[in-house]
PDB file of all heavy atoms in Angstrom:
ATOM      1  N   ASN A   1      -8.831  -0.050 -16.039  1.00  0.00           N
ATOM      2  CA  ASN A   1     -10.208  -0.514 -16.147  1.00  0.00           C
ATOM      3  C   ASN A   1     -10.850  -1.037 -14.899  1.00  0.00           C
ATOM      4  O   ASN A   1     -11.946  -1.571 -14.820  1.00  0.00           O
ATOM      5  CB  ASN A   1     -10.312  -1.602 -17.282  1.00  0.00           C
ATOM      6  CG  ASN A   1      -9.880  -1.084 -18.596  1.00  0.00           C
ATOM      7  OD1 ASN A   1     -10.213   0.074 -18.964  1.00  0.00           O
ATOM      8  ND2 ASN A   1      -9.283  -1.947 -19.371  1.00  0.00           N
ATOM      9  N   GLU A   2     -10.045  -0.872 -13.817  1.00  0.00           N
ATOM     10  CA  GLU A   2     -10.570  -1.414 -12.497  1.00  0.00           C
ATOM     11  C   GLU A   2     -11.478  -0.382 -11.891  1.00  0.00           C
ATOM     12  O   GLU A   2     -11.406   0.834 -12.140  1.00  0.00           O
ATOM     13  CB  GLU A   2      -9.373  -1.809 -11.598  1.00  0.00           C
ATOM     14  CG  GLU A   2      -8.573  -2.882 -12.232  1.00  0.00           C
ATOM     15  CD  GLU A   2      -7.548  -3.554 -11.149  1.00  0.00           C
ATOM     16  OE1 GLU A   2      -7.802  -3.506 -10.014  1.00  0.00           O
ATOM     17  OE2 GLU A   2      -6.608  -4.140 -11.714  1.00  0.00           O
ATOM     18  N   PRO A   3     -12.284  -0.751 -10.862  1.00  0.00           N
ATOM     19  CA  PRO A   3     -13.229   0.127 -10.277  1.00  0.00           C
ATOM     20  C   PRO A   3     -12.418   1.275  -9.517  1.00  0.00           C
ATOM     21  O   PRO A   3     -11.476   1.010  -8.950  1.00  0.00           O
ATOM     22  CB  PRO A   3     -13.971  -0.778  -9.323  1.00  0.00           C
ATOM     23  CG  PRO A   3     -13.875  -2.156  -9.842  1.00  0.00           C
ATOM     24  CD  PRO A   3     -12.474  -2.166 -10.465  1.00  0.00           C
ATOM     25  N   PHE A   4     -13.020   2.430  -9.624  1.00  0.00           N
ATOM     26  CA  PHE A   4     -12.444   3.638  -8.945  1.00  0.00           C
ATOM     27  C   PHE A   4     -12.852   3.530  -7.418  1.00  0.00           C
ATOM     28  O   PHE A   4     -13.981   3.380  -7.095  1.00  0.00           O
ATOM     29  CB  PHE A   4     -13.011   4.893  -9.616  1.00  0.00           C
ATOM     30  CG  PHE A   4     -12.671   6.119  -8.738  1.00  0.00           C
ATOM     31  CD1 PHE A   4     -11.419   6.702  -8.707  1.00  0.00           C
ATOM     32  CD2 PHE A   4     -13.700   6.766  -7.951  1.00  0.00           C
ATOM     33  CE1 PHE A   4     -11.147   7.792  -7.924  1.00  0.00           C
ATOM     34  CE2 PHE A   4     -13.368   7.913  -7.226  1.00  0.00           C
ATOM     35  CZ  PHE A   4     -12.077   8.380  -7.208  1.00  0.00           C
ATOM     36  N   VAL A   5     -11.858   3.649  -6.544  1.00  0.00           N
ATOM     37  CA  VAL A   5     -12.065   3.727  -5.192  1.00  0.00           C
ATOM     38  C   VAL A   5     -11.462   5.060  -4.714  1.00  0.00           C
ATOM     39  O   VAL A   5     -10.209   5.272  -4.909  1.00  0.00           O
ATOM     40  CB  VAL A   5     -11.419   2.559  -4.440  1.00  0.00           C
ATOM     41  CG1 VAL A   5     -11.607   2.751  -2.913  1.00  0.00           C
ATOM     42  CG2 VAL A   5     -12.053   1.257  -4.962  1.00  0.00           C
ATOM     43  N   PRO A   6     -12.173   5.948  -4.089  1.00  0.00           N
ATOM     44  CA  PRO A   6     -11.602   7.297  -3.671  1.00  0.00           C
ATOM     45  C   PRO A   6     -10.478   7.011  -2.602  1.00  0.00           C
ATOM     46  O   PRO A   6     -10.703   6.104  -1.774  1.00  0.00           O
ATOM     47  CB  PRO A   6     -12.763   8.062  -3.269  1.00  0.00           C
ATOM     48  CG  PRO A   6     -13.815   7.030  -2.897  1.00  0.00           C
ATOM     49  CD  PRO A   6     -13.606   5.870  -3.834  1.00  0.00           C
ATOM     50  N   ARG A   7      -9.599   7.935  -2.516  1.00  0.00           N
ATOM     51  CA  ARG A   7      -8.575   7.948  -1.387  1.00  0.00           C
ATOM     52  C   ARG A   7      -9.235   8.169  -0.147  1.00  0.00           C
ATOM     53  O   ARG A   7     -10.051   9.136  -0.014  1.00  0.00           O
ATOM     54  CB  ARG A   7      -7.526   8.875  -1.805  1.00  0.00           C
ATOM     55  CG  ARG A   7      -6.291   8.829  -0.884  1.00  0.00           C
ATOM     56  CD  ARG A   7      -5.215   9.848  -1.351  1.00  0.00           C
ATOM     57  NE  ARG A   7      -4.451   9.336  -2.545  1.00  0.00           N
ATOM     58  CZ  ARG A   7      -4.501   9.930  -3.726  1.00  0.00           C
ATOM     59  NH1 ARG A   7      -5.413  10.918  -3.911  1.00  0.00           N
ATOM     60  NH2 ARG A   7      -3.913   9.378  -4.666  1.00  0.00           N
ATOM     61  N   ALA A   8      -8.846   7.458   0.932  1.00  0.00           N
ATOM     62  CA  ALA A   8      -9.303   7.690   2.237  1.00  0.00           C
ATOM     63  C   ALA A   8      -8.697   8.930   2.785  1.00  0.00           C
ATOM     64  O   ALA A   8      -7.716   9.547   2.300  1.00  0.00           O
ATOM     65  CB  ALA A   8      -9.098   6.446   3.151  1.00  0.00           C
ATOM     66  N   GLU A   9      -9.228   9.381   3.957  1.00  0.00           N
ATOM     67  CA  GLU A   9      -8.697  10.596   4.575  1.00  0.00           C
ATOM     68  C   GLU A   9      -7.385  10.365   5.239  1.00  0.00           C
ATOM     69  O   GLU A   9      -6.566  11.290   5.522  1.00  0.00           O
ATOM     70  CB  GLU A   9      -9.715  11.165   5.573  1.00  0.00           C
ATOM     71  CG  GLU A   9     -10.986  11.631   4.940  1.00  0.00           C
ATOM     72  CD  GLU A   9     -11.893  12.298   5.910  1.00  0.00           C
ATOM     73  OE1 GLU A   9     -11.634  12.329   7.106  1.00  0.00           O
ATOM     74  OE2 GLU A   9     -12.985  12.773   5.508  1.00  0.00           O
ATOM     75  N   LYS A  10      -7.101   9.099   5.592  1.00  0.00           N
ATOM     76  CA  LYS A  10      -5.846   8.749   6.265  1.00  0.00           C
ATOM     77  C   LYS A  10      -5.470   7.342   5.921  1.00  0.00           C
ATOM     78  O   LYS A  10      -6.337   6.555   5.433  1.00  0.00           O
ATOM     79  CB  LYS A  10      -5.946   8.923   7.809  1.00  0.00           C
ATOM     80  CG  LYS A  10      -6.993   8.050   8.458  1.00  0.00           C
ATOM     81  CD  LYS A  10      -7.071   8.283   9.856  1.00  0.00           C
ATOM     82  CE  LYS A  10      -8.133   7.471  10.573  1.00  0.00           C
ATOM     83  NZ  LYS A  10      -8.302   7.666  12.004  1.00  0.00           N
ATOM     84  N   PRO A  11      -4.209   6.928   6.143  1.00  0.00           N
ATOM     85  CA  PRO A  11      -3.830   5.518   5.856  1.00  0.00           C
ATOM     86  C   PRO A  11      -4.683   4.550   6.608  1.00  0.00           C
ATOM     87  O   PRO A  11      -5.057   4.798   7.750  1.00  0.00           O
ATOM     88  CB  PRO A  11      -2.331   5.480   6.271  1.00  0.00           C
ATOM     89  CG  PRO A  11      -1.945   6.886   6.240  1.00  0.00           C
ATOM     90  CD  PRO A  11      -3.142   7.736   6.595  1.00  0.00           C
ATOM     91  N   THR A  12      -4.927   3.403   5.889  1.00  0.00           N
ATOM     92  CA  THR A  12      -5.885   2.406   6.511  1.00  0.00           C
ATOM     93  C   THR A  12      -5.214   1.127   6.871  1.00  0.00           C
ATOM     94  O   THR A  12      -5.801   0.221   7.364  1.00  0.00           O
ATOM     95  CB  THR A  12      -7.086   2.159   5.586  1.00  0.00           C
ATOM     96  OG1 THR A  12      -6.608   1.677   4.383  1.00  0.00           O
ATOM     97  CG2 THR A  12      -7.893   3.461   5.431  1.00  0.00           C
ATOM     98  N   LEU A  13      -3.879   1.021   6.438  1.00  0.00           N
ATOM     99  CA  LEU A  13      -3.177  -0.282   6.637  1.00  0.00           C
ATOM    100  C   LEU A  13      -1.995   0.012   7.548  1.00  0.00           C
ATOM    101  O   LEU A  13      -1.480   1.100   7.728  1.00  0.00           O
ATOM    102  CB  LEU A  13      -2.742  -0.805   5.321  1.00  0.00           C
ATOM    103  CG  LEU A  13      -3.875  -1.099   4.314  1.00  0.00           C
ATOM    104  CD1 LEU A  13      -3.258  -1.391   2.936  1.00  0.00           C
ATOM    105  CD2 LEU A  13      -4.750  -2.218   4.814  1.00  0.00           C
ATOM    106  N   LYS A  14      -1.506  -1.078   8.093  1.00  0.00           N
ATOM    107  CA  LYS A  14      -0.325  -1.047   9.025  1.00  0.00           C
ATOM    108  C   LYS A  14       0.911  -0.636   8.321  1.00  0.00           C
ATOM    109  O   LYS A  14       1.219  -1.127   7.219  1.00  0.00           O
ATOM    110  CB  LYS A  14      -0.171  -2.426   9.651  1.00  0.00           C
ATOM    111  CG  LYS A  14       0.884  -2.398  10.766  1.00  0.00           C
ATOM    112  CD  LYS A  14       1.048  -3.806  11.346  1.00  0.00           C
ATOM    113  CE  LYS A  14       2.176  -3.908  12.382  1.00  0.00           C
ATOM    114  NZ  LYS A  14       2.223  -5.220  13.068  1.00  0.00           N
ATOM    115  N   PRO A  15       1.670   0.333   8.801  1.00  0.00           N
ATOM    116  CA  PRO A  15       2.963   0.741   8.124  1.00  0.00           C
ATOM    117  C   PRO A  15       3.902  -0.395   8.028  1.00  0.00           C
ATOM    118  O   PRO A  15       3.877  -1.397   8.757  1.00  0.00           O
ATOM    119  CB  PRO A  15       3.556   1.833   8.965  1.00  0.00           C
ATOM    120  CG  PRO A  15       2.361   2.326   9.713  1.00  0.00           C
ATOM    121  CD  PRO A  15       1.420   1.143   9.917  1.00  0.00           C
ATOM    122  N   ILE A  16       4.840  -0.392   7.041  1.00  0.00           N
ATOM    123  CA  ILE A  16       5.792  -1.424   6.836  1.00  0.00           C
ATOM    124  C   ILE A  16       7.200  -0.922   7.226  1.00  0.00           C
ATOM    125  O   ILE A  16       7.624   0.221   6.863  1.00  0.00           O
ATOM    126  CB  ILE A  16       5.900  -1.832   5.334  1.00  0.00           C
ATOM    127  CG1 ILE A  16       4.552  -2.407   4.854  1.00  0.00           C
ATOM    128  CG2 ILE A  16       7.023  -2.803   5.003  1.00  0.00           C
ATOM    129  CD1 ILE A  16       4.361  -2.525   3.351  1.00  0.00           C
ATOM    130  N   PRO A  17       7.904  -1.705   8.078  1.00  0.00           N
ATOM    131  CA  PRO A  17       9.176  -1.285   8.554  1.00  0.00           C
ATOM    132  C   PRO A  17      10.195  -0.952   7.429  1.00  0.00           C
ATOM    133  O   PRO A  17      10.089  -1.533   6.325  1.00  0.00           O
ATOM    134  CB  PRO A  17       9.625  -2.423   9.394  1.00  0.00           C
ATOM    135  CG  PRO A  17       8.433  -3.239   9.811  1.00  0.00           C
ATOM    136  CD  PRO A  17       7.429  -2.979   8.668  1.00  0.00           C
ATOM    137  N   ASP A  18      11.087  -0.054   7.692  1.00  0.00           N
ATOM    138  CA  ASP A  18      12.049   0.403   6.726  1.00  0.00           C
ATOM    139  C   ASP A  18      12.899  -0.657   6.070  1.00  0.00           C
ATOM    140  O   ASP A  18      13.196  -0.604   4.878  1.00  0.00           O
ATOM    141  CB  ASP A  18      12.964   1.399   7.329  1.00  0.00           C
ATOM    142  CG  ASP A  18      12.343   2.733   7.694  1.00  0.00           C
ATOM    143  OD1 ASP A  18      11.107   2.812   7.405  1.00  0.00           O
ATOM    144  OD2 ASP A  18      12.982   3.577   8.352  1.00  0.00           O
ATOM    145  N   ASP A  19      13.209  -1.740   6.770  1.00  0.00           N
ATOM    146  CA  ASP A  19      14.137  -2.743   6.258  1.00  0.00           C
ATOM    147  C   ASP A  19      13.426  -3.938   5.672  1.00  0.00           C
ATOM    148  O   ASP A  19      14.049  -4.928   5.296  1.00  0.00           O
ATOM    149  CB  ASP A  19      15.161  -3.222   7.359  1.00  0.00           C
ATOM    150  CG  ASP A  19      14.379  -3.810   8.557  1.00  0.00           C
ATOM    151  OD1 ASP A  19      13.180  -3.637   8.687  1.00  0.00           O
ATOM    152  OD2 ASP A  19      15.114  -4.330   9.412  1.00  0.00           O
ATOM    153  N   VAL A  20      12.061  -3.934   5.569  1.00  0.00           N
ATOM    154  CA  VAL A  20      11.324  -5.037   5.075  1.00  0.00           C
ATOM    155  C   VAL A  20      11.058  -4.869   3.597  1.00  0.00           C
ATOM    156  O   VAL A  20      10.619  -3.839   3.129  1.00  0.00           O
ATOM    157  CB  VAL A  20       9.942  -5.169   5.862  1.00  0.00           C
ATOM    158  CG1 VAL A  20       9.050  -6.248   5.164  1.00  0.00           C
ATOM    159  CG2 VAL A  20      10.157  -5.543   7.263  1.00  0.00           C
ATOM    160  N   ILE A  21      11.429  -5.905   2.818  1.00  0.00           N
ATOM    161  CA  ILE A  21      11.127  -6.004   1.411  1.00  0.00           C
ATOM    162  C   ILE A  21       9.728  -6.621   1.267  1.00  0.00           C
ATOM    163  O   ILE A  21       9.508  -7.764   1.567  1.00  0.00           O
ATOM    164  CB  ILE A  21      12.143  -6.802   0.645  1.00  0.00           C
ATOM    165  CG1 ILE A  21      13.594  -6.167   0.756  1.00  0.00           C
ATOM    166  CG2 ILE A  21      11.779  -6.938  -0.862  1.00  0.00           C
ATOM    167  CD1 ILE A  21      14.637  -7.102   0.242  1.00  0.00           C
ATOM    168  N   HIS A  22       8.729  -5.794   0.869  1.00  0.00           N
ATOM    169  CA  HIS A  22       7.317  -6.208   1.025  1.00  0.00           C
ATOM    170  C   HIS A  22       6.654  -6.665  -0.177  1.00  0.00           C
ATOM    171  O   HIS A  22       5.474  -7.075  -0.183  1.00  0.00           O
ATOM    172  CB  HIS A  22       6.519  -5.077   1.694  1.00  0.00           C
ATOM    173  CG  HIS A  22       6.429  -3.804   0.993  1.00  0.00           C
ATOM    174  ND1 HIS A  22       5.305  -3.435   0.305  1.00  0.00           N
ATOM    175  CD2 HIS A  22       7.316  -2.815   0.788  1.00  0.00           C
ATOM    176  CE1 HIS A  22       5.539  -2.210  -0.246  1.00  0.00           C
ATOM    177  NE2 HIS A  22       6.729  -1.819   0.027  1.00  0.00           N
ATOM    178  N   TYR A  23       7.327  -6.720  -1.353  1.00  0.00           N
ATOM    179  CA  TYR A  23       6.740  -7.233  -2.494  1.00  0.00           C
ATOM    180  C   TYR A  23       7.844  -7.609  -3.598  1.00  0.00           C
ATOM    181  O   TYR A  23       8.858  -6.858  -3.668  1.00  0.00           O
ATOM    182  CB  TYR A  23       5.640  -6.408  -3.099  1.00  0.00           C
ATOM    183  CG  TYR A  23       6.180  -5.072  -3.820  1.00  0.00           C
ATOM    184  CD1 TYR A  23       5.967  -4.927  -5.198  1.00  0.00           C
ATOM    185  CD2 TYR A  23       6.680  -4.078  -3.069  1.00  0.00           C
ATOM    186  CE1 TYR A  23       6.475  -3.824  -5.895  1.00  0.00           C
ATOM    187  CE2 TYR A  23       7.074  -2.916  -3.765  1.00  0.00           C
ATOM    188  CZ  TYR A  23       6.959  -2.776  -5.031  1.00  0.00           C
ATOM    189  OH  TYR A  23       7.439  -1.644  -5.681  1.00  0.00           O
ATOM    190  N   PHE A  24       7.555  -8.671  -4.406  1.00  0.00           N
ATOM    191  CA  PHE A  24       8.447  -8.928  -5.485  1.00  0.00           C
ATOM    192  C   PHE A  24       7.671  -9.066  -6.811  1.00  0.00           C
ATOM    193  O   PHE A  24       8.238  -9.332  -7.893  1.00  0.00           O
ATOM    194  CB  PHE A  24       9.155 -10.326  -5.231  1.00  0.00           C
ATOM    195  CG  PHE A  24      10.355 -10.114  -4.321  1.00  0.00           C
ATOM    196  CD1 PHE A  24      10.212 -10.355  -2.977  1.00  0.00           C
ATOM    197  CD2 PHE A  24      11.582  -9.747  -4.770  1.00  0.00           C
ATOM    198  CE1 PHE A  24      11.270 -10.211  -2.161  1.00  0.00           C
ATOM    199  CE2 PHE A  24      12.674  -9.646  -4.007  1.00  0.00           C
ATOM    200  CZ  PHE A  24      12.562  -9.874  -2.610  1.00  0.00           C
ATOM    201  N   SER A  25       6.325  -8.928  -6.746  1.00  0.00           N
ATOM    202  CA  SER A  25       5.561  -8.882  -7.940  1.00  0.00           C
ATOM    203  C   SER A  25       5.677  -7.469  -8.622  1.00  0.00           C
ATOM    204  O   SER A  25       6.500  -6.679  -8.050  1.00  0.00           O
ATOM    205  CB  SER A  25       4.049  -9.244  -7.637  1.00  0.00           C
ATOM    206  OG  SER A  25       3.590  -8.329  -6.706  1.00  0.00           O
ATOM    207  N   SER A  26       4.980  -7.261  -9.642  1.00  0.00           N
ATOM    208  CA  SER A  26       5.049  -5.963 -10.291  1.00  0.00           C
ATOM    209  C   SER A  26       4.494  -4.747  -9.497  1.00  0.00           C
ATOM    210  O   SER A  26       4.939  -3.643  -9.667  1.00  0.00           O
ATOM    211  CB  SER A  26       4.301  -6.007 -11.640  1.00  0.00           C
ATOM    212  OG  SER A  26       4.940  -6.819 -12.519  1.00  0.00           O
ATOM    213  N   GLU A  27       3.534  -5.002  -8.533  1.00  0.00           N
ATOM    214  CA  GLU A  27       2.951  -3.959  -7.806  1.00  0.00           C
ATOM    215  C   GLU A  27       2.786  -4.289  -6.309  1.00  0.00           C
ATOM    216  O   GLU A  27       2.605  -5.543  -5.956  1.00  0.00           O
ATOM    217  CB  GLU A  27       1.643  -3.546  -8.395  1.00  0.00           C
ATOM    218  CG  GLU A  27       0.483  -4.552  -8.079  1.00  0.00           C
ATOM    219  CD  GLU A  27      -0.910  -4.014  -8.463  1.00  0.00           C
ATOM    220  OE1 GLU A  27      -1.289  -4.317  -9.623  1.00  0.00           O
ATOM    221  OE2 GLU A  27      -1.490  -3.531  -7.533  1.00  0.00           O
ATOM    222  N   PRO A  28       3.006  -3.300  -5.463  1.00  0.00           N
ATOM    223  CA  PRO A  28       2.693  -3.594  -4.059  1.00  0.00           C
ATOM    224  C   PRO A  28       1.218  -3.551  -3.732  1.00  0.00           C
ATOM    225  O   PRO A  28       0.474  -3.091  -4.478  1.00  0.00           O
ATOM    226  CB  PRO A  28       3.419  -2.375  -3.317  1.00  0.00           C
ATOM    227  CG  PRO A  28       3.330  -1.328  -4.339  1.00  0.00           C
ATOM    228  CD  PRO A  28       3.349  -1.942  -5.706  1.00  0.00           C
ATOM    229  N   LYS A  29       0.859  -4.073  -2.619  1.00  0.00           N
ATOM    230  CA  LYS A  29      -0.491  -3.987  -2.132  1.00  0.00           C
ATOM    231  C   LYS A  29      -0.788  -2.618  -1.381  1.00  0.00           C
ATOM    232  O   LYS A  29      -1.942  -2.172  -1.274  1.00  0.00           O
ATOM    233  CB  LYS A  29      -0.908  -5.046  -1.175  1.00  0.00           C
ATOM    234  CG  LYS A  29      -0.701  -6.507  -1.784  1.00  0.00           C
ATOM    235  CD  LYS A  29      -1.574  -6.670  -2.946  1.00  0.00           C
ATOM    236  CE  LYS A  29      -1.384  -8.100  -3.542  1.00  0.00           C
ATOM    237  NZ  LYS A  29      -2.247  -8.245  -4.840  1.00  0.00           N
ATOM    238  N   GLN A  30       0.256  -2.022  -0.924  1.00  0.00           N
ATOM    239  CA  GLN A  30       0.118  -0.748  -0.195  1.00  0.00           C
ATOM    240  C   GLN A  30       1.419   0.083  -0.286  1.00  0.00           C
ATOM    241  O   GLN A  30       2.396  -0.511  -0.661  1.00  0.00           O
ATOM    242  CB  GLN A  30      -0.204  -1.016   1.300  1.00  0.00           C
ATOM    243  CG  GLN A  30       0.937  -1.725   2.085  1.00  0.00           C
ATOM    244  CD  GLN A  30       0.714  -1.850   3.514  1.00  0.00           C
ATOM    245  OE1 GLN A  30       0.085  -2.860   3.931  1.00  0.00           O
ATOM    246  NE2 GLN A  30       1.196  -0.854   4.285  1.00  0.00           N
ATOM    247  N   THR A  31       1.389   1.297   0.177  1.00  0.00           N
ATOM    248  CA  THR A  31       2.555   2.043   0.285  1.00  0.00           C
ATOM    249  C   THR A  31       3.223   1.695   1.601  1.00  0.00           C
ATOM    250  O   THR A  31       2.588   1.110   2.544  1.00  0.00           O
ATOM    251  CB  THR A  31       2.280   3.602   0.230  1.00  0.00           C
ATOM    252  OG1 THR A  31       1.528   3.936   1.370  1.00  0.00           O
ATOM    253  CG2 THR A  31       1.539   3.951  -1.059  1.00  0.00           C
ATOM    254  N   ARG A  32       4.433   2.090   1.757  1.00  0.00           N
ATOM    255  CA  ARG A  32       5.092   1.738   2.984  1.00  0.00           C
ATOM    256  C   ARG A  32       4.506   2.440   4.256  1.00  0.00           C
ATOM    257  O   ARG A  32       4.611   1.951   5.333  1.00  0.00           O
ATOM    258  CB  ARG A  32       6.638   2.108   2.921  1.00  0.00           C
ATOM    259  CG  ARG A  32       7.583   1.423   3.872  1.00  0.00           C
ATOM    260  CD  ARG A  32       9.033   1.617   3.458  1.00  0.00           C
ATOM    261  NE  ARG A  32       9.374   0.737   2.362  1.00  0.00           N
ATOM    262  CZ  ARG A  32       9.857  -0.555   2.526  1.00  0.00           C
ATOM    263  NH1 ARG A  32       9.962  -0.978   3.814  1.00  0.00           N
ATOM    264  NH2 ARG A  32      10.161  -1.259   1.542  1.00  0.00           N
ATOM    265  N   ASP A  33       3.923   3.546   3.992  1.00  0.00           N
ATOM    266  CA  ASP A  33       3.235   4.273   5.173  1.00  0.00           C
ATOM    267  C   ASP A  33       1.772   4.003   5.375  1.00  0.00           C
ATOM    268  O   ASP A  33       1.010   4.656   6.114  1.00  0.00           O
ATOM    269  CB  ASP A  33       3.431   5.762   5.073  1.00  0.00           C
ATOM    270  CG  ASP A  33       3.005   6.336   3.835  1.00  0.00           C
ATOM    271  OD1 ASP A  33       2.543   5.595   2.884  1.00  0.00           O
ATOM    272  OD2 ASP A  33       3.050   7.565   3.643  1.00  0.00           O
ATOM    273  N   GLY A  34       1.258   2.900   4.608  1.00  0.00           N
ATOM    274  CA  GLY A  34      -0.079   2.361   4.959  1.00  0.00           C
ATOM    275  C   GLY A  34      -1.154   2.743   3.998  1.00  0.00           C
ATOM    276  O   GLY A  34      -2.369   2.488   4.326  1.00  0.00           O
TER     277      GLY A  34
END
């Protein structure tokens, strides 16, 4: 039920390093590649 936001043409966030655990909640804020 959340607002639809279309996918951008390229990643908009900084990538996350391979060895970083970036979330412990149910969902991440971003994918590892941004």
